[in-house]
């Protein structure tokens, strides 16, 4: 199922046969480009960047690599091919054919789901717009821009659904997606984590490892939707999202490799001595991990949620890999364990599985994150360093849900407010940490060269040589 690149908006949804929709999207396109010009990567407009562009929705050979100026990137609308005879796999409509039109009774709920997902895509571009000025290498600069253009295309995917299936309401929501701004006091992005700053590359790699991984799990749940156009949109978005997770995991891995090399070579462990060599000490990386992990856990919402239950029973949003789960896919008579604070203890109890779908998805996400942390620790082990990174307890530093009013340390111990305040700086990044990380943020643009705090990658993008010019400054 190839993509039509001859039209103004590349697509594989036969846009040419729907002139009304085509005109609506062509009217939205200039406003999208205005938003990109205003809020996309700064001072990048004239550069040739080695980017991949989707040319097919076939998992085999779907992308083409070449130099592109980002304003000329062919953002478009791509859905995976329809699956013949696909049935809804869960909820009250289990076993019925999937919907190709919006069910009237779920119209407002479905629109809310699509808008919330769509709002995260431009938000991350806005959060990262200044990072190109401090890129640690051309390789990393190129990866940042690849992530940015694909998040922009994911916005296109959600706007297409709003325009194609929600009429005037959908068009107005599409405008609002371009009007909100990350961190803006008057018009902030919908979800809290997308209003946090991404001021440095350690934060960027944490974001792409942790927050983009939340995106993977949210998209995977939506890829199970009974509304087939949403499911097919999200399935192709997941194809692109995998690279974003790679950027995060490999980025932190390369920072750890560099730090371990310096620690072993100089036989040092003291963070001040490590910092003196221009690399990032491991306790600081742990504090960044604590912060970004806990902020991202809040994106899953409350542990007990009637909204999540409604999404599931309505057939709009499933679980991660829903069809691989061995249960009745109804859940009304099943239970799921939920942790809560009782006095100075955390105790586990059971709640109805339908009401705890957020917690189930959060637990799936945590297991995936732990596997990545384990791979990072192998880098430290190979580097001869005894320090190990750990994920903080899921009740740590939470602002949403059952632990939002309880102080819990990274090991899962309930602490008093006084103890929290006295130890917070050992658990979360401090002003001194931020200042030190900022002091390392110098731009490196010579092919094959890297900033002091990060090791070169094991291999180049698309097997390019180590000194490949991923960005040409014209």
Protein backbone atom coordinates (compact mmCIF):
# COMPACT_ATOMS: atom_id res chain seq x y z
CA UNK A 1 0.00 0.00 0.00
CA UNK A 2 2.14 2.90 -1.30
CA UNK A 3 1.84 6.57 -0.55
CA UNK A 4 0.75 9.12 -3.14
CA UNK A 5 3.51 11.74 -3.22
CA UNK A 6 2.12 13.62 -6.22
CA UNK A 7 -0.52 15.44 -4.20
CA UNK A 8 -0.04 18.53 -2.07
CA UNK A 9 -0.55 16.40 1.03
CA UNK A 10 1.10 12.93 0.66
CA UNK A 11 -1.40 10.28 1.71
CA UNK A 12 -2.63 6.75 1.29
CA UNK A 13 -6.26 7.57 2.17
CA UNK A 14 -7.32 8.57 -1.38
CA UNK A 15 -7.63 12.19 -0.38
CA UNK A 16 -8.16 13.18 -4.03
CA UNK A 17 -11.60 11.54 -4.08
CA UNK A 18 -12.87 13.65 -1.15
CA UNK A 19 -12.59 17.26 -2.32
CA UNK A 20 -14.26 18.71 0.80
CA UNK A 21 -11.79 17.02 3.12
CA UNK A 22 -8.91 17.84 0.79
CA UNK A 23 -9.80 21.55 0.82
CA UNK A 24 -10.16 21.55 4.63
CA UNK A 25 -6.74 19.97 5.14
CA UNK A 26 -5.13 22.22 2.51
CA UNK A 27 -6.48 25.21 4.44
CA UNK A 28 -5.02 23.79 7.68
CA UNK A 29 -1.63 23.06 6.08
CA UNK A 30 -0.38 26.71 5.88
CA UNK A 31 -1.29 27.25 9.52
CA UNK A 32 0.62 24.09 10.42
CA UNK A 33 3.67 25.45 8.54
CA UNK A 34 3.30 28.78 10.37
CA UNK A 35 3.28 26.86 13.66
CA UNK A 36 6.39 24.91 12.55
CA UNK A 37 8.13 28.15 11.62
CA UNK A 38 7.26 29.72 14.97
CA UNK A 39 7.65 26.74 17.32
CA UNK A 40 9.77 24.16 15.43
CA UNK A 41 13.57 23.79 15.73
CA UNK A 42 15.26 27.20 15.89
CA UNK A 43 17.64 28.38 13.16
CA UNK A 44 17.37 25.15 11.18
CA UNK A 45 15.42 26.35 8.17
CA UNK A 46 18.17 26.50 5.50
CA UNK A 47 20.07 23.34 6.44
CA UNK A 48 20.18 20.05 4.51
CA UNK A 49 19.45 17.24 6.98
CA UNK A 50 19.82 13.52 6.37
CA UNK A 51 16.27 12.41 7.22
CA UNK A 52 14.16 9.36 6.63
CA UNK A 53 10.83 9.96 4.95
CA UNK A 54 7.99 7.44 4.88
CA UNK A 55 7.34 6.27 1.32
CA UNK A 56 5.21 3.20 2.08
CA UNK A 57 3.27 1.62 4.94
CA UNK A 58 4.84 -1.76 4.18
CA UNK A 59 6.97 -2.70 7.24
CA UNK A 60 9.65 -3.88 4.79
CA UNK A 61 11.41 -0.91 3.22
CA UNK A 62 8.95 1.79 4.27
CA UNK A 63 11.42 4.66 4.53
CA UNK A 64 13.74 6.58 2.21
CA UNK A 65 16.89 8.39 3.46
CA UNK A 66 18.14 11.58 1.84
CA UNK A 67 18.99 15.21 2.53
CA UNK A 68 15.93 17.37 3.13
CA UNK A 69 15.40 20.92 4.33
CA UNK A 70 12.93 20.51 7.18
CA UNK A 71 10.35 23.03 5.95
CA UNK A 72 10.20 20.91 2.76
CA UNK A 73 9.65 17.64 4.65
CA UNK A 74 6.61 15.84 3.20
CA UNK A 75 4.32 15.58 6.19
CA UNK A 76 1.26 13.58 5.31
CA UNK A 77 -1.41 11.06 6.24
CA UNK A 78 -0.52 7.38 6.38
CA UNK A 79 -2.62 4.52 7.73
CA UNK A 80 -1.68 0.84 7.75
CA UNK A 81 -3.77 -1.21 5.30
CA UNK A 82 -7.17 -2.36 6.60
CA UNK A 83 -7.25 -5.86 8.06
CA UNK A 84 -9.98 -7.82 6.29
CA UNK A 85 -12.70 -9.04 8.63
CA UNK A 86 -11.20 -7.36 11.70
CA UNK A 87 -13.45 -7.62 14.77
CA UNK A 88 -13.53 -5.61 17.99
CA UNK A 89 -11.49 -7.61 20.50
CA UNK A 90 -12.79 -6.34 23.85
CA UNK A 91 -15.57 -4.62 25.77
CA UNK A 92 -19.31 -4.67 25.19
CA UNK A 93 -18.92 -4.84 21.40
CA UNK A 94 -16.45 -7.75 21.42
CA UNK A 95 -16.82 -9.88 18.30
CA UNK A 96 -18.61 -7.20 16.27
CA UNK A 97 -17.06 -5.76 13.08
CA UNK A 98 -14.83 -2.74 13.68
CA UNK A 99 -16.29 0.68 12.91
CA UNK A 100 -15.25 2.67 9.87
CA UNK A 101 -17.45 5.57 10.93
CA UNK A 102 -17.71 7.18 14.36
CA UNK A 103 -20.47 5.55 16.46
CA UNK A 104 -22.85 8.35 17.41
CA UNK A 105 -23.01 7.42 21.10
CA UNK A 106 -19.21 7.60 21.43
CA UNK A 107 -18.62 10.71 19.34
CA UNK A 108 -17.57 13.11 22.11
CA UNK A 109 -15.53 10.49 23.98
CA UNK A 110 -13.65 9.45 20.86
CA UNK A 111 -12.96 13.06 19.91
CA UNK A 112 -11.55 13.69 23.39
CA UNK A 113 -9.23 10.69 23.09
CA UNK A 114 -7.92 11.82 19.69
CA UNK A 115 -7.43 15.43 20.80
CA UNK A 116 -5.51 14.35 23.92
CA UNK A 117 -3.20 12.14 21.87
CA UNK A 118 -2.82 14.80 19.18
CA UNK A 119 -1.92 17.48 21.73
CA UNK A 120 1.20 15.60 22.86
CA UNK A 121 2.75 15.58 19.37
CA UNK A 122 3.37 19.32 18.76
CA UNK A 123 4.06 19.76 22.49
CA UNK A 124 7.26 17.70 22.35
CA UNK A 125 8.49 19.66 19.31
CA UNK A 126 7.93 22.88 21.26
CA UNK A 127 9.74 21.48 24.30
CA UNK A 128 12.79 20.56 22.20
CA UNK A 129 12.99 23.55 19.86
CA UNK A 130 16.20 25.03 21.33
CA UNK A 131 18.17 21.79 21.68
CA UNK A 132 19.72 21.99 18.21
CA UNK A 133 21.83 24.91 19.43
CA UNK A 134 23.64 22.65 21.91
CA UNK A 135 23.78 19.33 20.03
CA UNK A 136 26.70 17.10 21.12
CA UNK A 137 27.31 15.96 17.51
CA UNK A 138 25.93 16.04 13.98
CA UNK A 139 24.67 12.48 14.53
CA UNK A 140 22.61 13.61 17.53
CA UNK A 141 21.46 16.79 15.82
CA UNK A 142 20.11 14.72 12.95
CA UNK A 143 18.33 12.36 15.35
CA UNK A 144 16.70 15.29 17.15
CA UNK A 145 15.35 16.64 13.87
CA UNK A 146 14.15 13.17 12.81
CA UNK A 147 12.16 12.91 16.03
CA UNK A 148 10.78 16.42 15.52
CA UNK A 149 9.52 15.92 11.95
CA UNK A 150 7.88 12.61 12.86
CA UNK A 151 6.14 14.09 15.90
CA UNK A 152 4.87 16.70 13.47
CA UNK A 153 3.56 13.96 11.20
CA UNK A 154 1.85 12.30 14.14
CA UNK A 155 -0.02 15.56 14.65
CA UNK A 156 -1.11 15.28 11.01
CA UNK A 157 -2.39 11.76 11.70
CA UNK A 158 -4.68 12.95 14.50
CA UNK A 159 -5.79 16.09 12.63
CA UNK A 160 -6.79 13.95 9.65
CA UNK A 161 -9.09 11.92 11.92
CA UNK A 162 -10.59 15.10 13.41
CA UNK A 163 -11.22 16.63 9.99
CA UNK A 164 -12.42 13.47 8.29
CA UNK A 165 -14.80 12.18 10.99
CA UNK A 166 -15.83 15.05 13.30
CA UNK A 167 -16.94 17.84 10.95
CA UNK A 168 -16.86 21.41 12.22
CA UNK A 169 -16.06 20.31 15.78
CA UNK A 170 -13.04 18.40 14.48
CA UNK A 171 -11.80 21.36 12.43
CA UNK A 172 -12.04 23.62 15.49
CA UNK A 173 -10.11 21.07 17.57
CA UNK A 174 -7.44 21.00 14.82
CA UNK A 175 -7.03 24.76 15.16
CA UNK A 176 -6.74 24.50 18.94
CA UNK A 177 -3.92 21.95 18.58
CA UNK A 178 -1.91 24.68 16.87
CA UNK A 179 -2.98 27.36 19.36
CA UNK A 180 -1.88 25.72 22.62
CA UNK A 181 1.77 26.07 23.64
CA UNK A 182 3.94 23.93 25.92
CA UNK A 183 4.44 25.69 29.25
CA UNK A 184 2.21 28.66 28.35
CA UNK A 185 0.32 29.91 31.43
CA UNK A 186 -2.74 30.91 29.42
CA UNK A 187 -2.90 28.09 26.85
CA UNK A 188 -0.81 25.17 28.14
CA UNK A 189 -0.72 21.71 26.62
CA UNK A 190 -3.31 19.30 28.05
CA UNK A 191 -0.99 16.93 29.95
CA UNK A 192 1.42 18.14 32.62
CA UNK A 193 4.60 16.37 31.43
CA UNK A 194 4.29 18.17 28.09
CA UNK A 195 4.54 21.52 29.85
CA UNK A 196 7.88 20.67 31.48
CA UNK A 197 11.04 22.15 29.96
CA UNK A 198 13.55 20.06 28.01
CA UNK A 199 16.53 22.39 28.49
CA UNK A 200 19.44 20.01 27.89
CA UNK A 201 20.40 16.78 26.14
CA UNK A 202 20.32 14.63 29.26
CA UNK A 203 16.68 15.67 29.63
CA UNK A 204 16.06 15.02 25.92
CA UNK A 205 17.41 11.49 26.11
CA UNK A 206 15.39 10.84 29.28
CA UNK A 207 12.31 12.22 27.53
CA UNK A 208 12.73 10.03 24.47
CA UNK A 209 13.48 6.94 26.58
CA UNK A 210 10.70 7.48 29.14
CA UNK A 211 8.02 9.85 27.84
CA UNK A 212 8.12 8.62 24.25
CA UNK A 213 7.82 5.13 25.72
CA UNK A 214 4.60 6.26 27.37
CA UNK A 215 3.62 7.31 23.85
CA UNK A 216 4.34 3.78 22.66
CA UNK A 217 1.98 2.30 25.26
CA UNK A 218 -0.77 4.84 24.66
CA UNK A 219 -0.53 4.31 20.90
CA UNK A 220 -0.50 0.54 21.35
CA UNK A 221 -3.71 0.75 23.42
CA UNK A 222 -5.31 2.96 20.76
CA UNK A 223 -4.07 0.59 18.02
CA UNK A 224 -6.56 -1.92 19.50
CA UNK A 225 -9.47 0.51 19.05
CA UNK A 226 -12.73 -0.62 17.51
CA UNK A 227 -12.68 2.64 15.50
CA UNK A 228 -10.56 1.26 12.69
CA UNK A 229 -9.15 4.53 11.23
CA UNK A 230 -7.75 5.38 14.67
CA UNK A 231 -6.29 1.90 15.09
CA UNK A 232 -4.66 1.99 11.64
CA UNK A 233 -3.24 5.49 12.22
CA UNK A 234 -1.68 4.45 15.51
CA UNK A 235 -0.22 1.25 14.08
CA UNK A 236 1.82 3.21 11.56
CA UNK A 237 2.79 5.81 14.18
CA UNK A 238 4.25 2.98 16.27
CA UNK A 239 6.56 2.12 13.35
CA UNK A 240 8.08 5.59 13.56
CA UNK A 241 8.02 5.74 17.38
CA UNK A 242 10.51 2.87 17.69
CA UNK A 243 13.35 5.12 16.47
CA UNK A 244 12.49 7.75 19.08
CA UNK A 245 12.90 5.16 21.85
CA UNK A 246 16.20 4.09 20.30
CA UNK A 247 17.43 7.69 20.39
CA UNK A 248 16.67 7.90 24.12
CA UNK A 249 18.03 4.55 25.22
CA UNK A 250 21.19 4.72 23.11
CA UNK A 251 21.75 8.37 24.08
CA UNK A 252 21.75 7.60 27.81
CA UNK A 253 23.77 4.45 27.11
CA UNK A 254 26.46 6.48 25.35
CA UNK A 255 26.58 8.98 28.25
CA UNK A 256 26.99 6.09 30.71
CA UNK A 257 29.70 4.53 28.54
CA UNK A 258 31.67 7.79 28.50
CA UNK A 259 31.32 8.31 32.26
CA UNK A 260 32.36 4.73 32.98
CA UNK A 261 35.41 5.12 30.73
CA UNK A 262 36.56 8.22 32.65
CA UNK A 263 35.85 6.68 36.08
CA UNK A 264 37.79 3.51 35.30
CA UNK A 265 40.67 5.24 33.55
CA UNK A 266 41.21 7.64 36.45
CA UNK A 267 40.09 5.30 39.23
CA UNK A 268 37.60 7.84 40.59
CA UNK A 269 34.08 7.62 42.02
CA UNK A 270 33.56 10.97 43.76
CA UNK A 271 30.97 12.94 41.71
CA UNK A 272 32.99 16.15 41.93
CA UNK A 273 36.07 14.41 40.56
CA UNK A 274 33.98 12.84 37.79
CA UNK A 275 32.47 16.19 36.87
CA UNK A 276 35.93 17.75 36.70
CA UNK A 277 36.63 15.55 33.67
CA UNK A 278 33.69 17.03 31.74
CA UNK A 279 31.42 13.98 32.02
CA UNK A 280 28.17 13.49 33.92
CA UNK A 281 28.43 11.81 37.33
CA UNK A 282 26.16 8.83 37.91
CA UNK A 283 24.18 10.22 40.92
CA UNK A 284 23.10 13.15 38.73
CA UNK A 285 21.93 10.74 36.00
CA UNK A 286 19.99 8.83 38.70
CA UNK A 287 18.28 12.02 39.88
CA UNK A 288 17.28 12.89 36.29
CA UNK A 289 15.94 9.35 35.88
CA UNK A 290 13.93 9.71 39.11
CA UNK A 291 12.37 12.96 37.92
CA UNK A 292 11.49 12.00 34.35
CA UNK A 293 10.21 8.56 35.33
CA UNK A 294 7.88 9.88 38.04
CA UNK A 295 6.56 12.72 35.87
CA UNK A 296 5.86 10.26 33.06
CA UNK A 297 4.01 7.83 35.36
CA UNK A 298 1.48 10.60 35.99
CA UNK A 299 0.61 10.58 32.27
CA UNK A 300 -1.25 7.30 32.80
CA UNK A 301 -3.75 9.02 35.10
CA UNK A 302 -5.38 7.81 38.30
CA UNK A 303 -4.99 4.18 39.36
CA UNK A 304 -8.78 3.80 39.64
CA UNK A 305 -10.50 5.48 36.70
CA UNK A 306 -14.07 5.37 35.46
CA UNK A 307 -12.96 7.11 32.25
CA UNK A 308 -10.54 4.30 31.40
CA UNK A 309 -13.31 1.81 32.15
CA UNK A 310 -15.65 3.63 29.76
CA UNK A 311 -13.03 3.73 27.01
CA UNK A 312 -12.57 -0.04 27.32
CA UNK A 313 -16.19 -1.17 27.60
CA UNK A 314 -17.03 1.10 24.66
CA UNK A 315 -14.39 -0.58 22.52
CA UNK A 316 -12.47 2.67 21.99
CA UNK A 317 -9.16 1.93 23.78
CA UNK A 318 -7.80 -1.50 24.65
CA UNK A 319 -4.88 -2.76 26.68
CA UNK A 320 -1.28 -3.19 25.52
CA UNK A 321 -1.29 -6.17 23.09
CA UNK A 322 -4.94 -6.83 23.94
CA UNK A 323 -5.38 -9.85 21.72
CA UNK A 324 -2.39 -11.66 23.24
CA UNK A 325 -3.88 -11.50 26.76
CA UNK A 326 -5.49 -14.74 27.94
CA UNK A 327 -8.69 -13.61 29.68
CA UNK A 328 -12.31 -12.86 28.79
CA UNK A 329 -11.62 -9.32 27.40
CA UNK A 330 -14.72 -8.20 29.31
CA UNK A 331 -13.04 -7.75 32.71
CA UNK A 332 -16.24 -6.97 34.62
CA UNK A 333 -15.74 -10.01 36.91
CA UNK A 334 -11.95 -9.85 37.14
CA UNK A 335 -9.70 -8.05 39.62
CA UNK A 336 -6.31 -6.33 39.41
CA UNK A 337 -3.90 -5.45 42.24
CA UNK A 338 -3.60 -1.81 43.20
CA UNK A 339 -1.21 -0.30 45.70
CA UNK A 340 -2.35 2.48 48.06
CA UNK A 341 -1.07 4.29 51.14
CA UNK A 342 -2.58 3.44 54.53
CA UNK A 343 -0.98 5.46 57.31
CA UNK A 344 2.78 5.08 56.98
CA UNK A 345 2.55 1.90 54.88
CA UNK A 346 1.93 1.00 51.24
CA UNK A 347 -0.51 -1.91 51.03
CA UNK A 348 -1.73 -3.91 48.05
CA UNK A 349 -5.42 -4.59 47.51
CA UNK A 350 -7.61 -5.61 44.61
CA UNK A 351 -9.96 -3.51 42.53
CA UNK A 352 -12.18 -4.38 39.61
CA UNK A 353 -10.02 -4.87 36.52
CA UNK A 354 -12.22 -2.54 34.47
CA UNK A 355 -11.54 0.33 36.86
CA UNK A 356 -7.78 -0.24 36.97
CA UNK A 357 -6.86 -0.18 33.29
CA UNK A 358 -4.60 2.85 33.77
CA UNK A 359 -2.66 0.93 36.41
CA UNK A 360 -2.39 -2.14 34.19
CA UNK A 361 -0.95 -0.06 31.34
CA UNK A 362 1.39 1.73 33.78
CA UNK A 363 2.67 -1.62 35.08
CA UNK A 364 3.30 -2.87 31.53
CA UNK A 365 5.24 0.34 30.88
CA UNK A 366 7.33 -0.04 34.05
CA UNK A 367 8.42 -3.56 33.04
CA UNK A 368 9.56 -2.22 29.67
CA UNK A 369 11.48 0.64 31.33
CA UNK A 370 13.16 -1.80 33.72
CA UNK A 371 14.45 -3.84 30.77
CA UNK A 372 16.07 -0.68 29.38
CA UNK A 373 17.64 0.19 32.75
CA UNK A 374 19.02 -3.35 32.94
CA UNK A 375 20.70 -2.82 29.56
CA UNK A 376 22.20 0.46 30.83
CA UNK A 377 23.57 -1.29 33.90
CA UNK A 378 25.33 -3.83 31.68
CA UNK A 379 27.18 -0.90 30.12
CA UNK A 380 28.32 0.17 33.59
CA UNK A 381 29.27 -3.41 34.44
CA UNK A 382 31.33 -3.76 31.26
CA UNK A 383 32.96 -0.42 32.10
CA UNK A 384 34.14 -1.73 35.46
CA UNK A 385 31.87 0.54 37.53
CA UNK A 386 29.94 -0.80 40.54
CA UNK A 387 27.21 1.91 40.54
CA UNK A 388 23.83 0.73 39.24
CA UNK A 389 20.85 2.81 38.11
CA UNK A 390 17.43 1.94 39.51
CA UNK A 391 13.89 2.94 38.67
CA UNK A 392 12.33 4.73 41.64
CA UNK A 393 9.23 3.22 43.23
CA UNK A 394 6.06 3.97 41.28
CA UNK A 395 4.65 5.91 44.26
CA UNK A 396 7.64 8.28 44.29
CA UNK A 397 7.08 11.98 43.48
CA UNK A 398 3.59 11.50 42.08
CA UNK A 399 1.24 14.42 41.46
CA UNK A 400 -1.76 12.46 40.15
CA UNK A 401 -3.62 9.51 41.64
CA UNK A 402 -3.56 7.66 44.95
CA UNK A 403 -0.08 8.88 45.92
CA UNK A 404 -0.50 12.54 45.03
CA UNK A 405 -0.81 13.56 48.69
CA UNK A 406 1.69 11.04 50.09
CA UNK A 407 5.45 11.44 50.26
CA UNK A 408 7.24 8.22 49.27
CA UNK A 409 11.00 7.79 48.87
CA UNK A 410 12.56 6.11 45.79
CA UNK A 411 12.64 2.75 47.62
CA UNK A 412 8.89 2.86 48.33
CA UNK A 413 8.96 3.94 51.99
CA UNK A 414 6.33 6.45 53.14
CA UNK A 415 8.12 9.46 54.67
CA UNK A 416 7.02 12.58 56.48
CA UNK A 417 6.95 15.95 54.78
CA UNK A 418 9.91 17.02 56.90
CA UNK A 419 11.99 14.04 55.72
CA UNK A 420 10.88 14.60 52.13
CA UNK A 421 12.02 18.22 52.25
CA UNK A 422 15.32 17.33 53.91
CA UNK A 423 16.20 14.61 51.38
CA UNK A 424 14.50 15.82 48.22
CA UNK A 425 17.74 17.17 46.80
CA UNK A 426 19.36 13.75 47.00
CA UNK A 427 16.48 12.23 45.02
CA UNK A 428 15.61 14.88 42.41
CA UNK A 429 17.78 17.16 40.24
CA UNK A 430 18.95 20.31 42.04
CA UNK A 431 19.69 23.77 40.71
CA UNK A 432 23.38 22.83 40.93
CA UNK A 433 22.74 19.73 38.79
CA UNK A 434 20.91 21.76 36.16
CA UNK A 435 23.68 24.38 36.15
CA UNK A 436 26.37 21.73 35.75
CA UNK A 437 24.53 19.99 32.89
CA UNK A 438 24.03 23.36 31.20
CA UNK A 439 27.77 24.01 31.50
CA UNK A 440 28.39 20.95 29.30
CA UNK A 441 25.97 22.04 26.59
CA UNK A 442 28.35 23.26 23.90
CA UNK A 443 27.56 22.66 20.26
CA UNK A 444 29.72 20.19 18.30
CA UNK A 445 29.20 20.30 14.52
CA UNK A 446 32.40 18.80 13.07
CA UNK A 447 31.63 15.43 11.42
CA UNK A 448 32.80 12.52 13.55
CA UNK A 449 33.36 14.65 16.67
CA UNK A 450 31.42 14.37 19.96
CA UNK A 451 30.99 16.42 23.13
CA UNK A 452 33.08 15.38 26.13
CA UNK A 453 30.18 13.74 28.00
CA UNK A 454 28.98 11.29 25.33
CA UNK A 455 30.56 8.38 23.46
CA UNK A 456 30.17 7.92 19.68
CA UNK A 457 27.40 5.57 18.54
CA UNK A 458 28.21 1.94 17.72
CA UNK A 459 27.13 2.51 14.10
CA UNK A 460 25.82 5.32 11.93
CA UNK A 461 22.26 5.95 10.79
CA UNK A 462 21.48 3.83 7.72
CA UNK A 463 25.02 2.37 8.10
CA UNK A 464 26.70 5.67 7.26
CA UNK A 465 30.43 6.06 8.17
CA UNK A 466 31.53 7.59 11.48
CA UNK A 467 32.43 10.96 9.94
CA UNK A 468 29.27 11.29 7.84
CA UNK A 469 27.90 14.84 7.50
CA UNK A 470 24.37 14.27 8.79
CA UNK A 471 23.68 18.00 8.58
CA UNK A 472 25.04 20.36 5.94
CA UNK A 473 25.14 24.00 7.00
CA UNK A 474 24.59 25.90 3.79
